[in-house]
PDB file of N, CA and C in Angstrom:
ATOM      1  N   MET A   1      -4.993 -18.218  -0.519  1.00  0.00           N
ATOM      2  CA  MET A   1      -4.624 -17.184   0.433  1.00  0.00           C
ATOM      3  C   MET A   1      -3.119 -16.938   0.327  1.00  0.00           C
ATOM      4  N   VAL A   2      -2.728 -15.663   0.397  1.00  0.00           N
ATOM      5  CA  VAL A   2      -1.312 -15.293   0.338  1.00  0.00           C
ATOM      6  C   VAL A   2      -0.944 -14.451   1.552  1.00  0.00           C
ATOM      7  N   THR A   3       0.326 -14.519   1.904  1.00  0.00           N
ATOM      8  CA  THR A   3       0.867 -13.695   2.981  1.00  0.00           C
ATOM      9  C   THR A   3       1.619 -12.535   2.345  1.00  0.00           C
ATOM     10  N   ILE A   4       1.267 -11.315   2.741  1.00  0.00           N
ATOM     11  CA  ILE A   4       1.908 -10.103   2.218  1.00  0.00           C
ATOM     12  C   ILE A   4       2.465  -9.304   3.388  1.00  0.00           C
ATOM     13  N   HIS A   5       3.695  -8.850   3.229  1.00  0.00           N
ATOM     14  CA  HIS A   5       4.341  -8.018   4.252  1.00  0.00           C
ATOM     15  C   HIS A   5       4.326  -6.569   3.770  1.00  0.00           C
ATOM     16  N   THR A   6       4.217  -5.650   4.692  1.00  0.00           N
ATOM     17  CA  THR A   6       4.253  -4.228   4.336  1.00  0.00           C
ATOM     18  C   THR A   6       5.396  -3.551   5.084  1.00  0.00           C
ATOM     19  N   GLN A   7       5.911  -2.495   4.475  1.00  0.00           N
ATOM     20  CA  GLN A   7       6.892  -1.611   5.110  1.00  0.00           C
ATOM     21  C   GLN A   7       6.362  -0.198   4.937  1.00  0.00           C
ATOM     22  N   TYR A   8       6.291   0.538   6.026  1.00  0.00           N
ATOM     23  CA  TYR A   8       5.754   1.896   5.985  1.00  0.00           C
ATOM     24  C   TYR A   8       6.849   2.915   6.252  1.00  0.00           C
ATOM     25  N   GLN A   9       6.850   3.978   5.467  1.00  0.00           N
ATOM     26  CA  GLN A   9       7.773   5.088   5.657  1.00  0.00           C
ATOM     27  C   GLN A   9       6.972   6.376   5.854  1.00  0.00           C
ATOM     28  N   SER A  10       7.595   7.345   6.452  1.00  0.00           N
ATOM     29  CA  SER A  10       7.073   8.703   6.655  1.00  0.00           C
ATOM     30  C   SER A  10       5.600   8.739   7.062  1.00  0.00           C
ATOM     31  N   ARG A  11       4.754   9.338   6.266  1.00  0.00           N
ATOM     32  CA  ARG A  11       3.343   9.546   6.625  1.00  0.00           C
ATOM     33  C   ARG A  11       2.613   8.222   6.890  1.00  0.00           C
ATOM     34  N   PHE A  12       2.931   7.199   6.124  1.00  0.00           N
ATOM     35  CA  PHE A  12       2.302   5.898   6.343  1.00  0.00           C
ATOM     36  C   PHE A  12       2.647   5.353   7.728  1.00  0.00           C
ATOM     37  N   ARG A  13       3.895   5.519   8.140  1.00  0.00           N
ATOM     38  CA  ARG A  13       4.308   5.048   9.463  1.00  0.00           C
ATOM     39  C   ARG A  13       3.648   5.885  10.557  1.00  0.00           C
ATOM     40  N   GLU A  14       3.472   7.168  10.314  1.00  0.00           N
ATOM     41  CA  GLU A  14       2.775   8.011  11.291  1.00  0.00           C
ATOM     42  C   GLU A  14       1.339   7.524  11.514  1.00  0.00           C
ATOM     43  N   ILE A  15       0.674   7.129  10.458  1.00  0.00           N
ATOM     44  CA  ILE A  15      -0.712   6.661  10.557  1.00  0.00           C
ATOM     45  C   ILE A  15      -0.789   5.299  11.234  1.00  0.00           C
ATOM     46  N   THR A  16       0.071   4.369  10.824  1.00  0.00           N
ATOM     47  CA  THR A  16      -0.005   3.004  11.344  1.00  0.00           C
ATOM     48  C   THR A  16       0.646   2.845  12.709  1.00  0.00           C
ATOM     49  N   GLN A  17       1.620   3.682  12.999  1.00  0.00           N
ATOM     50  CA  GLN A  17       2.399   3.601  14.237  1.00  0.00           C
ATOM     51  C   GLN A  17       3.253   2.333  14.323  1.00  0.00           C
ATOM     52  N   VAL A  18       3.510   1.705  13.185  1.00  0.00           N
ATOM     53  CA  VAL A  18       4.394   0.534  13.119  1.00  0.00           C
ATOM     54  C   VAL A  18       5.243   0.628  11.849  1.00  0.00           C
ATOM     55  N   PRO A  19       6.442   0.029  11.861  1.00  0.00           N
ATOM     56  CA  PRO A  19       7.283   0.073  10.659  1.00  0.00           C
ATOM     57  C   PRO A  19       6.806  -0.860   9.553  1.00  0.00           C
ATOM     58  N   GLY A  20       6.001  -1.857   9.912  1.00  0.00           N
ATOM     59  CA  GLY A  20       5.484  -2.799   8.928  1.00  0.00           C
ATOM     60  C   GLY A  20       4.612  -3.828   9.610  1.00  0.00           C
ATOM     61  N   GLU A  21       3.931  -4.622   8.802  1.00  0.00           N
ATOM     62  CA  GLU A  21       3.082  -5.679   9.337  1.00  0.00           C
ATOM     63  C   GLU A  21       2.835  -6.720   8.267  1.00  0.00           C
ATOM     64  N   THR A  22       2.132  -7.778   8.641  1.00  0.00           N
ATOM     65  CA  THR A  22       1.867  -8.887   7.736  1.00  0.00           C
ATOM     66  C   THR A  22       0.365  -9.092   7.625  1.00  0.00           C
ATOM     67  N   PHE A  23      -0.102  -9.356   6.404  1.00  0.00           N
ATOM     68  CA  PHE A  23      -1.524  -9.584   6.146  1.00  0.00           C
ATOM     69  C   PHE A  23      -1.713 -10.897   5.405  1.00  0.00           C
ATOM     70  N   GLN A  24      -2.827 -11.540   5.664  1.00  0.00           N
ATOM     71  CA  GLN A  24      -3.266 -12.708   4.908  1.00  0.00           C
ATOM     72  C   GLN A  24      -4.385 -12.222   4.002  1.00  0.00           C
ATOM     73  N   LEU A  25      -4.196 -12.357   2.692  1.00  0.00           N
ATOM     74  CA  LEU A  25      -5.195 -11.896   1.735  1.00  0.00           C
ATOM     75  C   LEU A  25      -5.819 -13.075   1.007  1.00  0.00           C
ATOM     76  N   THR A  26      -7.129 -13.031   0.839  1.00  0.00           N
ATOM     77  CA  THR A  26      -7.833 -14.064   0.089  1.00  0.00           C
ATOM     78  C   THR A  26      -7.509 -13.954  -1.389  1.00  0.00           C
ATOM     79  N   GLU A  27      -7.583 -12.733  -1.910  1.00  0.00           N
ATOM     80  CA  GLU A  27      -7.244 -12.454  -3.312  1.00  0.00           C
ATOM     81  C   GLU A  27      -5.868 -11.794  -3.351  1.00  0.00           C
ATOM     82  N   PRO A  28      -4.939 -12.318  -4.114  1.00  0.00           N
ATOM     83  CA  PRO A  28      -3.588 -11.760  -4.146  1.00  0.00           C
ATOM     84  C   PRO A  28      -3.482 -10.514  -5.036  1.00  0.00           C
ATOM     85  N   LEU A  29      -4.279  -9.509  -4.734  1.00  0.00           N
ATOM     86  CA  LEU A  29      -4.313  -8.290  -5.544  1.00  0.00           C
ATOM     87  C   LEU A  29      -3.955  -7.067  -4.712  1.00  0.00           C
ATOM     88  N   VAL A  30      -3.304  -6.113  -5.343  1.00  0.00           N
ATOM     89  CA  VAL A  30      -3.000  -4.844  -4.681  1.00  0.00           C
ATOM     90  C   VAL A  30      -4.296  -4.189  -4.205  1.00  0.00           C
ATOM     91  N   ALA A  31      -5.358  -4.288  -4.993  1.00  0.00           N
ATOM     92  CA  ALA A  31      -6.637  -3.686  -4.613  1.00  0.00           C
ATOM     93  C   ALA A  31      -7.127  -4.222  -3.273  1.00  0.00           C
ATOM     94  N   GLU A  32      -6.967  -5.512  -3.014  1.00  0.00           N
ATOM     95  CA  GLU A  32      -7.406  -6.064  -1.732  1.00  0.00           C
ATOM     96  C   GLU A  32      -6.532  -5.554  -0.592  1.00  0.00           C
ATOM     97  N   LEU A  33      -5.235  -5.443  -0.821  1.00  0.00           N
ATOM     98  CA  LEU A  33      -4.345  -4.906   0.209  1.00  0.00           C
ATOM     99  C   LEU A  33      -4.720  -3.465   0.530  1.00  0.00           C
ATOM    100  N   ALA A  34      -4.947  -2.653  -0.494  1.00  0.00           N
ATOM    101  CA  ALA A  34      -5.325  -1.248  -0.282  1.00  0.00           C
ATOM    102  C   ALA A  34      -6.643  -1.146   0.493  1.00  0.00           C
ATOM    103  N   THR A  35      -7.615  -1.960   0.142  1.00  0.00           N
ATOM    104  CA  THR A  35      -8.908  -1.955   0.834  1.00  0.00           C
ATOM    105  C   THR A  35      -8.741  -2.391   2.284  1.00  0.00           C
ATOM    106  N   THR A  36      -7.941  -3.404   2.516  1.00  0.00           N
ATOM    107  CA  THR A  36      -7.683  -3.891   3.870  1.00  0.00           C
ATOM    108  C   THR A  36      -7.054  -2.807   4.731  1.00  0.00           C
ATOM    109  N   LEU A  37      -6.063  -2.108   4.186  1.00  0.00           N
ATOM    110  CA  LEU A  37      -5.400  -1.029   4.928  1.00  0.00           C
ATOM    111  C   LEU A  37      -6.356   0.130   5.202  1.00  0.00           C
ATOM    112  N   ALA A  38      -7.170   0.481   4.214  1.00  0.00           N
ATOM    113  CA  ALA A  38      -8.133   1.574   4.397  1.00  0.00           C
ATOM    114  C   ALA A  38      -9.138   1.226   5.493  1.00  0.00           C
ATOM    115  N   LYS A  39      -9.601  -0.007   5.518  1.00  0.00           N
ATOM    116  CA  LYS A  39     -10.549  -0.428   6.561  1.00  0.00           C
ATOM    117  C   LYS A  39      -9.896  -0.428   7.936  1.00  0.00           C
ATOM    118  N   LYS A  40      -8.666  -0.889   8.010  1.00  0.00           N
ATOM    119  CA  LYS A  40      -7.977  -0.986   9.303  1.00  0.00           C
ATOM    120  C   LYS A  40      -7.631   0.379   9.879  1.00  0.00           C
ATOM    121  N   TYR A  41      -7.171   1.307   9.020  1.00  0.00           N
ATOM    122  CA  TYR A  41      -6.657   2.580   9.514  1.00  0.00           C
ATOM    123  C   TYR A  41      -7.556   3.784   9.248  1.00  0.00           C
ATOM    124  N   GLY A  42      -8.656   3.617   8.548  1.00  0.00           N
ATOM    125  CA  GLY A  42      -9.647   4.667   8.410  1.00  0.00           C
ATOM    126  C   GLY A  42      -9.456   5.627   7.253  1.00  0.00           C
ATOM    127  N   PRO A  43     -10.245   6.718   7.287  1.00  0.00           N
ATOM    128  CA  PRO A  43     -10.316   7.661   6.172  1.00  0.00           C
ATOM    129  C   PRO A  43      -8.989   8.341   5.819  1.00  0.00           C
ATOM    130  N   LEU A  44      -8.165   8.612   6.800  1.00  0.00           N
ATOM    131  CA  LEU A  44      -6.881   9.262   6.511  1.00  0.00           C
ATOM    132  C   LEU A  44      -6.001   8.347   5.656  1.00  0.00           C
ATOM    133  N   MET A  45      -5.941   7.081   6.031  1.00  0.00           N
ATOM    134  CA  MET A  45      -5.165   6.118   5.242  1.00  0.00           C
ATOM    135  C   MET A  45      -5.799   5.945   3.867  1.00  0.00           C
ATOM    136  N   GLU A  46      -7.116   5.861   3.820  1.00  0.00           N
ATOM    137  CA  GLU A  46      -7.790   5.695   2.534  1.00  0.00           C
ATOM    138  C   GLU A  46      -7.483   6.850   1.591  1.00  0.00           C
ATOM    139  N   SER A  47      -7.503   8.078   2.102  1.00  0.00           N
ATOM    140  CA  SER A  47      -7.234   9.232   1.238  1.00  0.00           C
ATOM    141  C   SER A  47      -5.779   9.271   0.778  1.00  0.00           C
ATOM    142  N   LEU A  48      -4.883   8.765   1.595  1.00  0.00           N
ATOM    143  CA  LEU A  48      -3.473   8.716   1.215  1.00  0.00           C
ATOM    144  C   LEU A  48      -3.222   7.617   0.181  1.00  0.00           C
ATOM    145  N   LEU A  49      -3.955   6.514   0.296  1.00  0.00           N
ATOM    146  CA  LEU A  49      -3.768   5.355  -0.576  1.00  0.00           C
ATOM    147  C   LEU A  49      -4.530   5.408  -1.890  1.00  0.00           C
ATOM    148  N   ILE A  50      -5.801   5.819  -1.835  1.00  0.00           N
ATOM    149  CA  ILE A  50      -6.700   5.652  -2.974  1.00  0.00           C
ATOM    150  C   ILE A  50      -7.206   7.001  -3.472  1.00  0.00           C
ATOM    151  N   ASP A  51      -6.998   7.280  -4.745  1.00  0.00           N
ATOM    152  CA  ASP A  51      -7.500   8.501  -5.366  1.00  0.00           C
ATOM    153  C   ASP A  51      -9.022   8.396  -5.452  1.00  0.00           C
ATOM    154  N   LYS A  52      -9.731   9.319  -4.815  1.00  0.00           N
ATOM    155  CA  LYS A  52     -11.197   9.197  -4.766  1.00  0.00           C
ATOM    156  C   LYS A  52     -11.865   9.395  -6.123  1.00  0.00           C
ATOM    157  N   GLU A  53     -11.203  10.050  -7.065  1.00  0.00           N
ATOM    158  CA  GLU A  53     -11.786  10.245  -8.393  1.00  0.00           C
ATOM    159  C   GLU A  53     -11.589   9.020  -9.295  1.00  0.00           C
ATOM    160  N   THR A  54     -10.385   8.462  -9.297  1.00  0.00           N
ATOM    161  CA  THR A  54     -10.078   7.360 -10.212  1.00  0.00           C
ATOM    162  C   THR A  54     -10.212   5.981  -9.563  1.00  0.00           C
ATOM    163  N   ARG A  55     -10.200   5.926  -8.221  1.00  0.00           N
ATOM    164  CA  ARG A  55     -10.213   4.687  -7.443  1.00  0.00           C
ATOM    165  C   ARG A  55      -8.955   3.853  -7.688  1.00  0.00           C
ATOM    166  N   GLU A  56      -7.935   4.479  -8.232  1.00  0.00           N
ATOM    167  CA  GLU A  56      -6.620   3.857  -8.397  1.00  0.00           C
ATOM    168  C   GLU A  56      -5.759   4.257  -7.203  1.00  0.00           C
ATOM    169  N   LEU A  57      -4.567   3.677  -7.111  1.00  0.00           N
ATOM    170  CA  LEU A  57      -3.652   4.115  -6.060  1.00  0.00           C
ATOM    171  C   LEU A  57      -3.335   5.589  -6.264  1.00  0.00           C
ATOM    172  N   ASN A  58      -3.334   6.324  -5.185  1.00  0.00           N
ATOM    173  CA  ASN A  58      -3.054   7.748  -5.229  1.00  0.00           C
ATOM    174  C   ASN A  58      -1.567   7.945  -5.509  1.00  0.00           C
ATOM    175  N   THR A  59      -1.242   8.571  -6.622  1.00  0.00           N
ATOM    176  CA  THR A  59       0.157   8.789  -6.982  1.00  0.00           C
ATOM    177  C   THR A  59       0.616  10.213  -6.707  1.00  0.00           C
ATOM    178  N   ARG A  60      -0.229  11.002  -6.105  1.00  0.00           N
ATOM    179  CA  ARG A  60       0.146  12.389  -5.789  1.00  0.00           C
ATOM    180  C   ARG A  60       1.046  12.417  -4.560  1.00  0.00           C
ATOM    181  N   GLY A  61       2.346  12.354  -4.805  1.00  0.00           N
ATOM    182  CA  GLY A  61       3.316  12.425  -3.726  1.00  0.00           C
ATOM    183  C   GLY A  61       3.564  11.114  -3.009  1.00  0.00           C
ATOM    184  N   THR A  62       3.002  10.020  -3.514  1.00  0.00           N
ATOM    185  CA  THR A  62       3.204   8.726  -2.872  1.00  0.00           C
ATOM    186  C   THR A  62       3.722   7.703  -3.878  1.00  0.00           C
ATOM    187  N   MET A  63       4.395   6.680  -3.349  1.00  0.00           N
ATOM    188  CA  MET A  63       4.893   5.593  -4.194  1.00  0.00           C
ATOM    189  C   MET A  63       4.640   4.279  -3.484  1.00  0.00           C
ATOM    190  N   TYR A  64       4.376   3.257  -4.261  1.00  0.00           N
ATOM    191  CA  TYR A  64       4.133   1.920  -3.754  1.00  0.00           C
ATOM    192  C   TYR A  64       5.011   0.988  -4.568  1.00  0.00           C
ATOM    193  N   LEU A  65       5.916   0.287  -3.890  1.00  0.00           N
ATOM    194  CA  LEU A  65       6.899  -0.538  -4.585  1.00  0.00           C
ATOM    195  C   LEU A  65       6.828  -1.983  -4.116  1.00  0.00           C
ATOM    196  N   ASP A  66       7.033  -2.908  -5.064  1.00  0.00           N
ATOM    197  CA  ASP A  66       7.078  -4.321  -4.698  1.00  0.00           C
ATOM    198  C   ASP A  66       8.488  -4.687  -4.233  1.00  0.00           C
ATOM    199  N   SER A  67       8.696  -5.962  -3.955  1.00  0.00           N
ATOM    200  CA  SER A  67       9.981  -6.444  -3.432  1.00  0.00           C
ATOM    201  C   SER A  67      11.149  -6.207  -4.381  1.00  0.00           C
ATOM    202  N   LYS A  68      10.856  -6.017  -5.666  1.00  0.00           N
ATOM    203  CA  LYS A  68      11.907  -5.781  -6.659  1.00  0.00           C
ATOM    204  C   LYS A  68      12.102  -4.300  -6.964  1.00  0.00           C
ATOM    205  N   GLY A  69      11.408  -3.436  -6.226  1.00  0.00           N
ATOM    206  CA  GLY A  69      11.544  -1.998  -6.426  1.00  0.00           C
ATOM    207  C   GLY A  69      10.705  -1.442  -7.559  1.00  0.00           C
ATOM    208  N   ARG A  70       9.745  -2.235  -8.066  1.00  0.00           N
ATOM    209  CA  ARG A  70       8.875  -1.768  -9.157  1.00  0.00           C
ATOM    210  C   ARG A  70       7.606  -1.159  -8.582  1.00  0.00           C
ATOM    211  N   ARG A  71       7.099  -0.137  -9.270  1.00  0.00           N
ATOM    212  CA  ARG A  71       5.807   0.456  -8.876  1.00  0.00           C
ATOM    213  C   ARG A  71       4.700  -0.567  -9.059  1.00  0.00           C
ATOM    214  N   ILE A  72       3.719  -0.504  -8.167  1.00  0.00           N
ATOM    215  CA  ILE A  72       2.582  -1.409  -8.275  1.00  0.00           C
ATOM    216  C   ILE A  72       1.311  -0.609  -8.533  1.00  0.00           C
ATOM    217  N   TYR A  73       0.312  -1.306  -9.053  1.00  0.00           N
ATOM    218  CA  TYR A  73      -0.970  -0.695  -9.393  1.00  0.00           C
ATOM    219  C   TYR A  73      -2.095  -1.586  -8.868  1.00  0.00           C
ATOM    220  N   MET A  74      -3.294  -1.041  -8.755  1.00  0.00           N
ATOM    221  CA  MET A  74      -4.431  -1.740  -8.162  1.00  0.00           C
ATOM    222  C   MET A  74      -4.657  -3.131  -8.740  1.00  0.00           C
ATOM    223  N   GLU A  75      -4.509  -3.289 -10.044  1.00  0.00           N
ATOM    224  CA  GLU A  75      -4.838  -4.565 -10.681  1.00  0.00           C
ATOM    225  C   GLU A  75      -3.699  -5.586 -10.612  1.00  0.00           C
ATOM    226  N   ASP A  76      -2.552  -5.201 -10.070  1.00  0.00           N
ATOM    227  CA  ASP A  76      -1.408  -6.113 -10.005  1.00  0.00           C
ATOM    228  C   ASP A  76      -1.651  -7.247  -9.017  1.00  0.00           C
ATOM    229  N   ARG A  77      -1.146  -8.426  -9.392  1.00  0.00           N
ATOM    230  CA  ARG A  77      -1.212  -9.598  -8.515  1.00  0.00           C
ATOM    231  C   ARG A  77       0.018  -9.602  -7.613  1.00  0.00           C
ATOM    232  N   LEU A  78      -0.157 -10.071  -6.394  1.00  0.00           N
ATOM    233  CA  LEU A  78       0.923 -10.145  -5.429  1.00  0.00           C
ATOM    234  C   LEU A  78       1.342 -11.596  -5.220  1.00  0.00           C
ATOM    235  N   ALA A  79       2.640 -11.814  -5.086  1.00  0.00           N
ATOM    236  CA  ALA A  79       3.161 -13.154  -4.843  1.00  0.00           C
ATOM    237  C   ALA A  79       3.186 -13.436  -3.341  1.00  0.00           C
ATOM    238  N   ASP A  80       2.975 -14.689  -2.987  1.00  0.00           N
ATOM    239  CA  ASP A  80       3.021 -15.089  -1.589  1.00  0.00           C
ATOM    240  C   ASP A  80       4.380 -14.719  -0.994  1.00  0.00           C
ATOM    241  N   GLY A  81       4.369 -14.059   0.158  1.00  0.00           N
ATOM    242  CA  GLY A  81       5.592 -13.650   0.833  1.00  0.00           C
ATOM    243  C   GLY A  81       6.164 -12.321   0.381  1.00  0.00           C
ATOM    244  N   GLU A  82       5.511 -11.672  -0.565  1.00  0.00           N
ATOM    245  CA  GLU A  82       5.995 -10.393  -1.109  1.00  0.00           C
ATOM    246  C   GLU A  82       5.934  -9.283  -0.059  1.00  0.00           C
ATOM    247  N   THR A  83       6.858  -8.332  -0.173  1.00  0.00           N
ATOM    248  CA  THR A  83       6.873  -7.153   0.687  1.00  0.00           C
ATOM    249  C   THR A  83       6.553  -5.934  -0.171  1.00  0.00           C
ATOM    250  N   ILE A  84       5.584  -5.150   0.281  1.00  0.00           N
ATOM    251  CA  ILE A  84       5.192  -3.920  -0.402  1.00  0.00           C
ATOM    252  C   ILE A  84       5.615  -2.735   0.455  1.00  0.00           C
ATOM    253  N   ALA A  85       6.334  -1.793  -0.143  1.00  0.00           N
ATOM    254  CA  ALA A  85       6.789  -0.590   0.561  1.00  0.00           C
ATOM    255  C   ALA A  85       5.876   0.583   0.213  1.00  0.00           C
ATOM    256  N   PHE A  86       5.490   1.311   1.239  1.00  0.00           N
ATOM    257  CA  PHE A  86       4.641   2.494   1.107  1.00  0.00           C
ATOM    258  C   PHE A  86       5.475   3.710   1.443  1.00  0.00           C
ATOM    259  N   LEU A  87       5.699   4.573   0.440  1.00  0.00           N
ATOM    260  CA  LEU A  87       6.605   5.707   0.577  1.00  0.00           C
ATOM    261  C   LEU A  87       5.947   7.005   0.163  1.00  0.00           C
ATOM    262  N   VAL A  88       6.452   8.090   0.713  1.00  0.00           N
ATOM    263  CA  VAL A  88       6.031   9.416   0.268  1.00  0.00           C
ATOM    264  C   VAL A  88       7.190   9.981  -0.539  1.00  0.00           C
ATOM    265  N   GLY A  89       6.903  10.404  -1.780  1.00  0.00           N
ATOM    266  CA  GLY A  89       7.938  10.944  -2.657  1.00  0.00           C
ATOM    267  C   GLY A  89       8.455  12.280  -2.137  1.00  0.00           C
ATOM    268  N   ILE A  90       9.746  12.502  -2.329  1.00  0.00           N
ATOM    269  CA  ILE A  90      10.383  13.746  -1.909  1.00  0.00           C
ATOM    270  C   ILE A  90      10.939  14.441  -3.140  1.00  0.00           C
ATOM    271  N   ALA A  91      10.757  15.738  -3.217  1.00  0.00           N
ATOM    272  CA  ALA A  91      11.292  16.545  -4.311  1.00  0.00           C
ATOM    273  C   ALA A  91      10.846  16.003  -5.673  1.00  0.00           C
ATOM    274  N   GLY A  92       9.549  15.771  -5.788  1.00  0.00           N
ATOM    275  CA  GLY A  92       9.002  15.311  -7.055  1.00  0.00           C
ATOM    276  C   GLY A  92       9.045  13.806  -7.237  1.00  0.00           C
ATOM    277  N   GLY A  93       9.501  13.076  -6.209  1.00  0.00           N
ATOM    278  CA  GLY A  93       9.512  11.608  -6.245  1.00  0.00           C
ATOM    279  C   GLY A  93      10.662  11.089  -6.977  1.00  0.00           C
TER     280      GLY A  93
END
């Protein structure tokens, strides 16, 4: 089990109504974090997070960054204590 912290900006913060939160994940994968968020916050969050055609993270106007500022993808492993930032790209990202 790993502890993952999130930081939400713009549209993500509007949906969650919090600047960030902490999750305990059984599998340290971005896919599990995305699924957890979609279940917690519903269809609007799911559509913002997950591309319904590819089932990958939705990159249309959104960015997901790890603690080092690198983009993350569904198959990426997360380190215990890592912070993931959820952002909406501006002016082409």
